[in-house]
Amino acid sequence: MAITINGSANTVAGLAAGGLPDDSINLADLSATGTASSSTFLRGDNSWAAAGGGKLLQVVEATTTTEVSSTSATMADSGLTASITPASGSKVLILINQSIRQYRNRNSTNNQGFGVNLLRGSTIILPSKRNDSNLFNDFYLSNDAVNNTLIRHTMNFLDDSPGGDSSTSITYKTQFAVTHTDDSGQVWAQPSWESQNQAPTSSIILMEIGS
């Protein structure tokens, strides 16, 4: 179809999509209302609008290789912690990769495990799972002849109501406990692996998600 210019109607007909050369129209030539910026987008009605929710506003990461051990079935700090200052209405997505080693004397029944809590400040927001005996058992081995296990325990949690106000720092941390304390039951976070002198890194990542 030939291109037809109608001067009285101020229209151009027959122009194929992509028919204009690149960079031939400037943003200022568009009849959009409002102001373009890094936080706005051009809507279908040719007006600028603020970007919607779900924006990733900031990311905080913290790591530790400091070994912490416990022979208690009561939760204790693992040494893994990070802080973030979210805005009012924001959510915080937490990603955790915790290095854990658990042990129980192989001459025992050998059932053994551990539990890990996630806390905001002093409030538990993701509690460890418990078994029928009310013992922590996010990870559990049964009748293992050599109960000396090193794993990476992962946790993902979206904190819908962290209570941010753009000025207050909010701290997240993990705590851990051993399942069985008898027969030399013990658990380590960031364990130094015997004579190999390894201290696997644990990490926590906090991501503020805008409302």
Protein backbone atom coordinates (compact mmCIF):
# COMPACT_ATOMS: atom_id res chain seq x y z
CA MET A 1 0.00 0.00 0.00
CA ALA A 2 1.32 3.39 -0.95
CA ILE A 3 1.89 6.02 1.75
CA THR A 4 -0.92 8.61 1.70
CA ILE A 5 -0.70 11.94 3.51
CA ASN A 6 -4.02 13.62 4.29
CA GLY A 7 -3.29 17.25 5.05
CA SER A 8 -6.80 18.16 6.12
CA ALA A 9 -7.02 15.28 8.61
CA ASN A 10 -3.35 15.45 9.64
CA THR A 11 -2.95 11.68 9.10
CA VAL A 12 -0.48 9.38 7.37
CA ALA A 13 -1.74 6.07 5.94
CA GLY A 14 0.17 3.07 4.63
CA LEU A 15 3.21 3.34 6.89
CA ALA A 16 4.39 -0.15 7.89
CA ALA A 17 5.45 -0.98 11.45
CA GLY A 18 9.12 -0.15 11.83
CA GLY A 19 9.01 1.96 8.70
CA LEU A 20 10.61 4.99 10.34
CA PRO A 21 14.40 5.10 10.71
CA ASP A 22 15.83 4.45 14.15
CA ASP A 23 16.14 7.52 16.42
CA SER A 24 13.88 9.57 14.14
CA ILE A 25 11.46 10.44 16.96
CA ASN A 26 12.59 12.11 20.17
CA LEU A 27 10.97 11.39 23.53
CA ALA A 28 9.99 15.06 23.78
CA ASP A 29 7.94 14.69 20.59
CA LEU A 30 5.58 12.18 22.23
CA SER A 31 2.40 13.60 23.68
CA ALA A 32 2.76 11.77 26.98
CA THR A 33 1.75 13.52 30.18
CA GLY A 34 3.91 13.50 33.27
CA THR A 35 7.68 13.18 33.58
CA ALA A 36 9.94 10.33 32.53
CA SER A 37 12.38 9.04 35.16
CA SER A 38 14.09 5.87 36.31
CA SER A 39 11.09 5.08 38.52
CA THR A 40 8.31 5.66 35.94
CA PHE A 41 7.09 3.89 32.82
CA LEU A 42 5.03 4.85 29.74
CA ARG A 43 1.56 3.36 29.95
CA GLY A 44 -0.61 2.24 27.06
CA ASP A 45 -2.61 5.47 27.23
CA ASN A 46 0.61 7.40 26.48
CA SER A 47 1.01 8.81 29.99
CA TRP A 48 3.82 8.33 32.49
CA ALA A 49 3.05 6.45 35.71
CA ALA A 50 5.03 5.44 38.76
CA ALA A 51 6.39 1.91 38.69
CA GLY A 52 4.32 -0.64 40.59
CA GLY A 53 5.21 -2.85 43.57
CA GLY A 54 7.73 -5.63 43.68
CA LYS A 55 10.81 -3.46 43.10
CA LEU A 56 14.10 -4.75 44.49
CA LEU A 57 15.29 -1.77 46.52
CA GLN A 58 18.45 -3.03 48.23
CA VAL A 59 20.45 -6.17 48.93
CA VAL A 60 22.55 -6.87 52.03
CA GLU A 61 24.82 -9.89 52.43
CA ALA A 62 26.76 -11.07 55.46
CA THR A 63 29.00 -14.10 55.89
CA THR A 64 30.89 -15.79 58.67
CA THR A 65 33.44 -18.58 59.04
CA THR A 66 33.65 -18.35 62.83
CA GLU A 67 32.99 -21.73 64.41
CA VAL A 68 30.29 -21.96 67.07
CA SER A 69 29.49 -25.24 68.85
CA SER A 70 26.76 -26.42 71.18
CA THR A 71 25.97 -29.51 73.23
CA SER A 72 22.55 -28.17 74.22
CA ALA A 73 19.03 -28.88 72.96
CA THR A 74 18.26 -25.22 73.71
CA MET A 75 18.62 -22.75 70.84
CA ALA A 76 21.79 -20.62 70.77
CA ASP A 77 23.10 -17.99 68.35
CA SER A 78 24.97 -19.49 65.39
CA GLY A 79 26.99 -16.35 64.66
CA LEU A 80 25.22 -15.74 61.33
CA THR A 81 23.52 -12.33 61.33
CA ALA A 82 22.79 -9.35 59.06
CA SER A 83 20.94 -6.03 59.31
CA ILE A 84 18.89 -3.99 56.83
CA THR A 85 16.97 -0.70 56.96
CA PRO A 86 13.77 -1.18 54.93
CA ALA A 87 11.19 1.48 54.11
CA SER A 88 7.66 1.49 55.48
CA GLY A 89 5.53 -1.10 53.70
CA SER A 90 8.50 -3.02 52.28
CA LYS A 91 8.99 -6.75 52.65
CA VAL A 92 12.30 -8.51 53.27
CA LEU A 93 13.26 -11.72 51.47
CA ILE A 94 15.81 -13.76 53.47
CA LEU A 95 18.07 -16.39 51.91
CA ILE A 96 20.25 -18.46 54.25
CA ASN A 97 22.98 -20.98 53.58
CA GLN A 98 24.15 -22.30 56.96
CA SER A 99 27.05 -24.71 57.30
CA ILE A 100 26.28 -27.27 60.02
CA ARG A 101 28.01 -30.35 61.41
CA GLN A 102 26.31 -32.76 63.81
CA TYR A 103 27.81 -35.63 65.82
CA ARG A 104 26.83 -38.38 68.24
CA ASN A 105 29.00 -41.23 69.52
CA ARG A 106 28.83 -44.15 67.08
CA ASN A 107 28.45 -46.61 69.96
CA SER A 108 25.09 -45.12 70.81
CA THR A 109 21.80 -45.66 69.00
CA ASN A 110 23.18 -43.08 66.55
CA ASN A 111 19.94 -41.19 65.91
CA GLN A 112 20.95 -37.56 65.67
CA GLY A 113 20.01 -34.22 64.11
CA PHE A 114 19.69 -30.50 64.67
CA GLY A 115 17.29 -27.59 64.37
CA VAL A 116 17.69 -24.00 63.14
CA ASN A 117 15.50 -20.98 63.92
CA LEU A 118 15.34 -17.72 61.95
CA LEU A 119 14.78 -14.61 64.04
CA ARG A 120 14.00 -10.94 63.45
CA GLY A 121 15.52 -9.30 66.48
CA SER A 122 14.40 -11.55 69.34
CA THR A 123 11.26 -12.79 67.53
CA ILE A 124 11.28 -16.23 65.89
CA ILE A 125 9.78 -15.81 62.42
CA LEU A 126 10.68 -19.23 61.01
CA PRO A 127 10.79 -21.86 63.78
CA SER A 128 12.59 -25.16 63.60
CA LYS A 129 10.52 -28.27 63.00
CA ARG A 130 10.03 -30.60 65.98
CA ASN A 131 9.46 -34.35 66.05
CA ASP A 132 6.97 -36.37 68.13
CA SER A 133 9.31 -36.17 71.12
CA ASN A 134 9.32 -32.35 70.85
CA LEU A 135 12.98 -32.37 69.76
CA PHE A 136 14.34 -30.11 67.03
CA ASN A 137 14.82 -32.06 63.82
CA ASP A 138 15.13 -29.90 60.71
CA PHE A 139 17.79 -32.45 59.80
CA TYR A 140 17.73 -35.97 61.23
CA LEU A 141 19.63 -39.23 60.72
CA SER A 142 18.39 -42.55 62.06
CA ASN A 143 20.52 -45.63 62.85
CA ASP A 144 23.59 -44.27 61.09
CA ALA A 145 26.67 -46.28 62.08
CA VAL A 146 28.95 -43.23 61.72
CA ASN A 147 26.91 -40.25 62.84
CA ASN A 148 29.27 -37.42 61.98
CA THR A 149 27.73 -35.37 59.20
CA LEU A 150 28.54 -32.01 57.59
CA ILE A 151 25.85 -30.35 55.46
CA ARG A 152 24.68 -26.97 54.19
CA HIS A 153 21.26 -26.13 55.60
CA THR A 154 19.28 -23.68 53.43
CA MET A 155 16.35 -21.51 54.47
CA ASN A 156 14.21 -19.09 52.40
CA PHE A 157 11.64 -16.81 54.01
CA LEU A 158 9.63 -13.72 52.97
CA ASP A 159 9.06 -11.41 55.93
CA ASP A 160 5.80 -9.66 55.02
CA SER A 161 5.80 -7.32 58.01
CA PRO A 162 9.31 -6.37 59.11
CA GLY A 163 8.08 -3.02 60.44
CA GLY A 164 10.56 -0.81 58.59
CA ASP A 165 10.42 2.99 58.69
CA SER A 166 13.42 3.92 56.47
CA SER A 167 15.51 4.80 59.52
CA THR A 168 15.51 1.78 61.85
CA SER A 169 17.95 -1.06 61.30
CA ILE A 170 16.37 -4.52 61.52
CA THR A 171 18.56 -7.50 62.40
CA TYR A 172 18.03 -11.08 61.28
CA LYS A 173 19.95 -14.04 62.67
CA THR A 174 19.89 -17.81 63.04
CA GLN A 175 20.00 -19.98 66.14
CA PHE A 176 20.71 -23.69 66.34
CA ALA A 177 20.42 -26.66 68.70
CA VAL A 178 21.35 -30.33 68.75
CA THR A 179 18.63 -33.00 68.80
CA HIS A 180 20.26 -35.47 71.24
CA THR A 181 22.70 -34.35 73.93
CA ASP A 182 23.60 -37.76 75.35
CA ASP A 183 26.42 -39.94 73.99
CA SER A 184 28.56 -36.87 73.23
CA GLY A 185 25.85 -35.28 71.08
CA GLN A 186 27.09 -32.02 69.62
CA VAL A 187 26.43 -29.58 66.77
CA TRP A 188 28.65 -26.97 65.11
CA ALA A 189 27.93 -23.98 62.91
CA GLN A 190 30.76 -23.08 60.48
CA PRO A 191 32.62 -26.17 61.70
CA SER A 192 36.37 -26.54 61.56
CA TRP A 193 36.55 -30.02 60.09
CA GLU A 194 38.90 -31.88 62.39
CA SER A 195 42.51 -32.00 61.14
CA GLN A 196 41.61 -30.49 57.75
CA ASN A 197 41.15 -27.07 59.38
CA GLN A 198 38.19 -26.20 57.19
CA ALA A 199 35.63 -23.60 58.23
CA PRO A 200 32.88 -23.56 55.60
CA THR A 201 31.34 -20.14 55.07
CA SER A 202 27.74 -19.51 56.11
CA SER A 203 25.86 -16.68 54.41
CA ILE A 204 22.69 -14.65 54.84
CA ILE A 205 21.23 -12.41 52.11
CA LEU A 206 18.53 -9.81 52.83
CA MET A 207 16.58 -8.27 49.93
CA GLU A 208 14.18 -5.36 50.43
CA ILE A 209 11.12 -5.68 48.18
CA GLY A 210 9.17 -2.45 47.66
CA SER A 211 5.41 -2.35 48.13
